[in-house]
Structure formats: C-alpha cells, structure tokens
Amino acid sequence: MCIRDRRLGVKAGDGELVSAGSIIVRQRGMTFLSGPGTGLGKDYTVFATVDGRVHFEHARKDKKRVRVEAAAAAS
C-alpha cells in the first residue's frame, strides 16, 4: 500500500446528516477527538453511533471534537 492510497481525511462535513456506522473522519493519530454520538476505531477512525447531524467544535487549540446530534424521530 502506497502512502497516497490511504484515503485519509474528513468524509462528512459539518451539519451533514449521517446514519449510524458512517465514517466521519479517517486519520492517523488523534487530531479529531470522538464526542457524543461517535465512536473511535482502532485505527483512529471516527464513526457515527447514532443517526443525526455532524458537528465539529474546537476541543483544544490543536484538536477538534466531532459529535453527532441524534435526529428527532419522525412521527
């Protein structure tokens, strides 16, 4: 596998609707931290654990936190 073939980066933008299990960020190391509604894979991939909207926020000066706000259930 070549370095260029890793396909790293943000896969879902801020405010975008995602389903549970969707990959939000592929990364090496923890530049993006996992927040509520997200999980962290063994290769530091941040993924959604609930259906909802993605939000990015600053956790520290050099890191961002990713969270997913659960979508309201349609009745």
N, C-alpha and C. Protein backbone atom coordinates (compact mmCIF):
# COMPACT_ATOMS: atom_id res chain seq x y z
N MET A 1 0.84 -1.18 0.00
CA MET A 1 0.00 0.00 0.00
C MET A 1 0.89 1.24 0.00
N CYS A 2 0.65 2.09 -0.93
CA CYS A 2 1.41 3.33 -1.06
C CYS A 2 0.85 4.38 -0.10
N ILE A 3 1.66 5.34 0.28
CA ILE A 3 1.21 6.40 1.19
C ILE A 3 0.03 7.16 0.59
N ARG A 4 0.02 7.36 -0.72
CA ARG A 4 -1.05 8.11 -1.37
C ARG A 4 -2.37 7.35 -1.40
N ASP A 5 -2.38 6.06 -1.13
CA ASP A 5 -3.58 5.24 -1.22
C ASP A 5 -4.35 5.12 0.09
N ARG A 6 -4.03 5.91 1.08
CA ARG A 6 -4.66 5.74 2.40
C ARG A 6 -6.05 6.34 2.49
N ARG A 7 -6.39 7.28 1.63
CA ARG A 7 -7.73 7.89 1.59
C ARG A 7 -8.13 8.50 2.94
N LEU A 8 -7.22 9.26 3.54
CA LEU A 8 -7.47 9.89 4.83
C LEU A 8 -8.23 11.20 4.63
N GLY A 9 -8.85 11.69 5.70
CA GLY A 9 -9.49 12.99 5.67
C GLY A 9 -10.91 12.95 6.20
N VAL A 10 -11.56 14.11 6.11
CA VAL A 10 -12.94 14.26 6.58
C VAL A 10 -13.88 13.74 5.50
N LYS A 11 -14.76 12.83 5.87
CA LYS A 11 -15.69 12.20 4.92
C LYS A 11 -17.09 12.79 5.00
N ALA A 12 -17.44 13.41 6.12
CA ALA A 12 -18.76 14.04 6.29
C ALA A 12 -18.56 15.43 6.87
N GLY A 13 -19.15 16.43 6.25
CA GLY A 13 -18.97 17.81 6.67
C GLY A 13 -19.85 18.22 7.83
N ASP A 14 -19.58 19.42 8.34
CA ASP A 14 -20.34 19.97 9.46
C ASP A 14 -21.79 20.20 9.03
N GLY A 15 -22.75 19.71 9.83
CA GLY A 15 -24.16 19.87 9.55
C GLY A 15 -24.74 18.79 8.64
N GLU A 16 -23.91 17.87 8.18
CA GLU A 16 -24.38 16.83 7.27
C GLU A 16 -25.08 15.71 8.03
N LEU A 17 -26.13 15.16 7.42
CA LEU A 17 -26.85 14.03 8.02
C LEU A 17 -26.07 12.75 7.77
N VAL A 18 -25.90 11.94 8.81
CA VAL A 18 -25.21 10.65 8.68
C VAL A 18 -26.04 9.57 9.35
N SER A 19 -25.84 8.35 8.93
CA SER A 19 -26.51 7.22 9.57
C SER A 19 -25.52 6.53 10.50
N ALA A 20 -26.03 5.74 11.42
CA ALA A 20 -25.18 5.02 12.37
C ALA A 20 -24.23 4.11 11.60
N GLY A 21 -22.97 4.14 11.97
CA GLY A 21 -21.96 3.32 11.32
C GLY A 21 -21.21 4.04 10.22
N SER A 22 -21.65 5.24 9.85
CA SER A 22 -20.98 6.01 8.80
C SER A 22 -19.64 6.54 9.29
N ILE A 23 -18.65 6.51 8.42
CA ILE A 23 -17.33 7.06 8.74
C ILE A 23 -17.39 8.57 8.56
N ILE A 24 -16.90 9.29 9.58
CA ILE A 24 -16.89 10.75 9.54
C ILE A 24 -15.49 11.25 9.21
N VAL A 25 -14.47 10.70 9.89
CA VAL A 25 -13.07 11.11 9.66
C VAL A 25 -12.17 9.89 9.65
N ARG A 26 -11.27 9.80 8.64
CA ARG A 26 -10.20 8.80 8.63
C ARG A 26 -8.93 9.57 8.93
N GLN A 27 -8.16 9.12 9.92
CA GLN A 27 -6.98 9.87 10.36
C GLN A 27 -5.90 8.96 10.90
N ARG A 28 -4.72 9.51 11.02
CA ARG A 28 -3.60 8.85 11.69
C ARG A 28 -3.33 9.67 12.94
N GLY A 29 -3.43 9.07 14.11
CA GLY A 29 -3.31 9.83 15.35
C GLY A 29 -4.66 10.44 15.70
N MET A 30 -4.68 11.26 16.76
CA MET A 30 -5.96 11.80 17.22
C MET A 30 -6.04 13.31 17.04
N THR A 31 -6.09 13.76 15.79
CA THR A 31 -6.32 15.17 15.50
C THR A 31 -7.76 15.52 15.80
N PHE A 32 -8.68 14.61 15.44
CA PHE A 32 -10.11 14.77 15.72
C PHE A 32 -10.46 13.83 16.86
N LEU A 33 -11.10 14.37 17.90
CA LEU A 33 -11.48 13.58 19.06
C LEU A 33 -12.93 13.12 18.91
N SER A 34 -13.24 11.98 19.50
CA SER A 34 -14.58 11.41 19.46
C SER A 34 -15.44 12.04 20.56
N GLY A 35 -16.62 12.54 20.19
CA GLY A 35 -17.54 13.15 21.15
C GLY A 35 -18.80 12.32 21.28
N PRO A 36 -19.86 12.90 21.85
CA PRO A 36 -21.13 12.19 21.99
C PRO A 36 -21.70 11.79 20.64
N GLY A 37 -22.19 10.57 20.55
CA GLY A 37 -22.80 10.08 19.31
C GLY A 37 -21.79 9.54 18.31
N THR A 38 -20.52 9.45 18.73
CA THR A 38 -19.49 8.93 17.84
C THR A 38 -18.65 7.88 18.55
N GLY A 39 -17.95 7.09 17.77
CA GLY A 39 -17.03 6.10 18.31
C GLY A 39 -15.67 6.26 17.66
N LEU A 40 -14.66 5.63 18.24
CA LEU A 40 -13.29 5.72 17.75
C LEU A 40 -12.79 4.31 17.46
N GLY A 41 -12.41 4.06 16.21
CA GLY A 41 -11.91 2.75 15.81
C GLY A 41 -10.46 2.55 16.22
N LYS A 42 -9.96 1.33 16.08
CA LYS A 42 -8.59 1.05 16.48
C LYS A 42 -7.56 1.75 15.60
N ASP A 43 -7.96 2.17 14.39
CA ASP A 43 -7.07 2.94 13.52
C ASP A 43 -7.39 4.43 13.59
N TYR A 44 -8.04 4.87 14.67
CA TYR A 44 -8.40 6.26 14.97
C TYR A 44 -9.47 6.81 14.03
N THR A 45 -10.22 5.97 13.36
CA THR A 45 -11.33 6.41 12.53
C THR A 45 -12.49 6.82 13.43
N VAL A 46 -13.04 8.01 13.19
CA VAL A 46 -14.21 8.48 13.93
C VAL A 46 -15.45 8.12 13.12
N PHE A 47 -16.41 7.42 13.77
CA PHE A 47 -17.62 6.98 13.08
C PHE A 47 -18.85 7.31 13.93
N ALA A 48 -20.00 7.40 13.27
CA ALA A 48 -21.25 7.72 13.95
C ALA A 48 -21.83 6.48 14.61
N THR A 49 -22.35 6.63 15.83
CA THR A 49 -23.01 5.52 16.52
C THR A 49 -24.53 5.70 16.51
N VAL A 50 -24.99 6.89 16.13
CA VAL A 50 -26.43 7.19 16.03
C VAL A 50 -26.68 7.93 14.72
N ASP A 51 -27.93 7.90 14.26
CA ASP A 51 -28.32 8.70 13.10
C ASP A 51 -28.46 10.15 13.55
N GLY A 52 -27.97 11.09 12.76
CA GLY A 52 -28.11 12.50 13.12
C GLY A 52 -27.20 13.41 12.32
N ARG A 53 -27.00 14.63 12.84
CA ARG A 53 -26.18 15.65 12.17
C ARG A 53 -24.80 15.74 12.81
N VAL A 54 -23.79 15.90 11.96
CA VAL A 54 -22.40 16.00 12.40
C VAL A 54 -22.11 17.45 12.80
N HIS A 55 -21.37 17.62 13.90
CA HIS A 55 -20.93 18.94 14.34
C HIS A 55 -19.47 18.86 14.76
N PHE A 56 -18.68 19.83 14.29
CA PHE A 56 -17.27 19.94 14.67
C PHE A 56 -17.13 21.13 15.62
N GLU A 57 -16.33 20.97 16.67
CA GLU A 57 -16.09 22.07 17.61
C GLU A 57 -14.65 21.98 18.10
N HIS A 58 -14.10 23.09 18.50
CA HIS A 58 -12.73 23.11 19.00
C HIS A 58 -12.69 22.54 20.41
N ALA A 59 -11.87 21.51 20.62
CA ALA A 59 -11.69 20.93 21.95
C ALA A 59 -10.51 21.60 22.64
N ARG A 60 -9.45 21.80 21.87
CA ARG A 60 -8.24 22.49 22.33
C ARG A 60 -7.72 23.30 21.15
N LYS A 61 -6.61 23.94 21.36
CA LYS A 61 -6.03 24.77 20.31
C LYS A 61 -5.68 23.95 19.06
N ASP A 62 -5.22 22.72 19.27
CA ASP A 62 -4.74 21.90 18.15
C ASP A 62 -5.63 20.71 17.83
N LYS A 63 -6.76 20.58 18.50
CA LYS A 63 -7.64 19.42 18.28
C LYS A 63 -9.09 19.86 18.14
N LYS A 64 -9.85 19.09 17.36
CA LYS A 64 -11.29 19.33 17.20
C LYS A 64 -12.05 18.12 17.71
N ARG A 65 -13.23 18.37 18.25
CA ARG A 65 -14.10 17.29 18.71
C ARG A 65 -15.23 17.14 17.71
N VAL A 66 -15.56 15.89 17.39
CA VAL A 66 -16.65 15.58 16.47
C VAL A 66 -17.77 14.97 17.28
N ARG A 67 -18.98 15.48 17.08
CA ARG A 67 -20.15 14.91 17.76
C ARG A 67 -21.28 14.76 16.75
N VAL A 68 -22.20 13.86 17.07
CA VAL A 68 -23.38 13.66 16.22
C VAL A 68 -24.60 13.88 17.09
N GLU A 69 -25.40 14.89 16.75
CA GLU A 69 -26.66 15.12 17.45
C GLU A 69 -27.72 14.22 16.84
N ALA A 70 -28.35 13.41 17.66
CA ALA A 70 -29.35 12.46 17.18
C ALA A 70 -30.50 13.18 16.50
N ALA A 71 -30.92 12.64 15.37
CA ALA A 71 -32.04 13.21 14.62
C ALA A 71 -33.34 12.94 15.38
N ALA A 72 -34.24 13.91 15.35
CA ALA A 72 -35.54 13.73 16.01
C ALA A 72 -36.34 12.69 15.26
N ALA A 73 -37.01 11.82 15.99
CA ALA A 73 -37.80 10.76 15.37
C ALA A 73 -39.03 11.36 14.69
N ALA A 74 -39.23 10.99 13.45
CA ALA A 74 -40.40 11.48 12.70
C ALA A 74 -41.64 10.71 13.14
N SER A 75 -42.73 11.43 13.32
CA SER A 75 -43.96 10.75 13.76
C SER A 75 -45.02 10.76 12.70
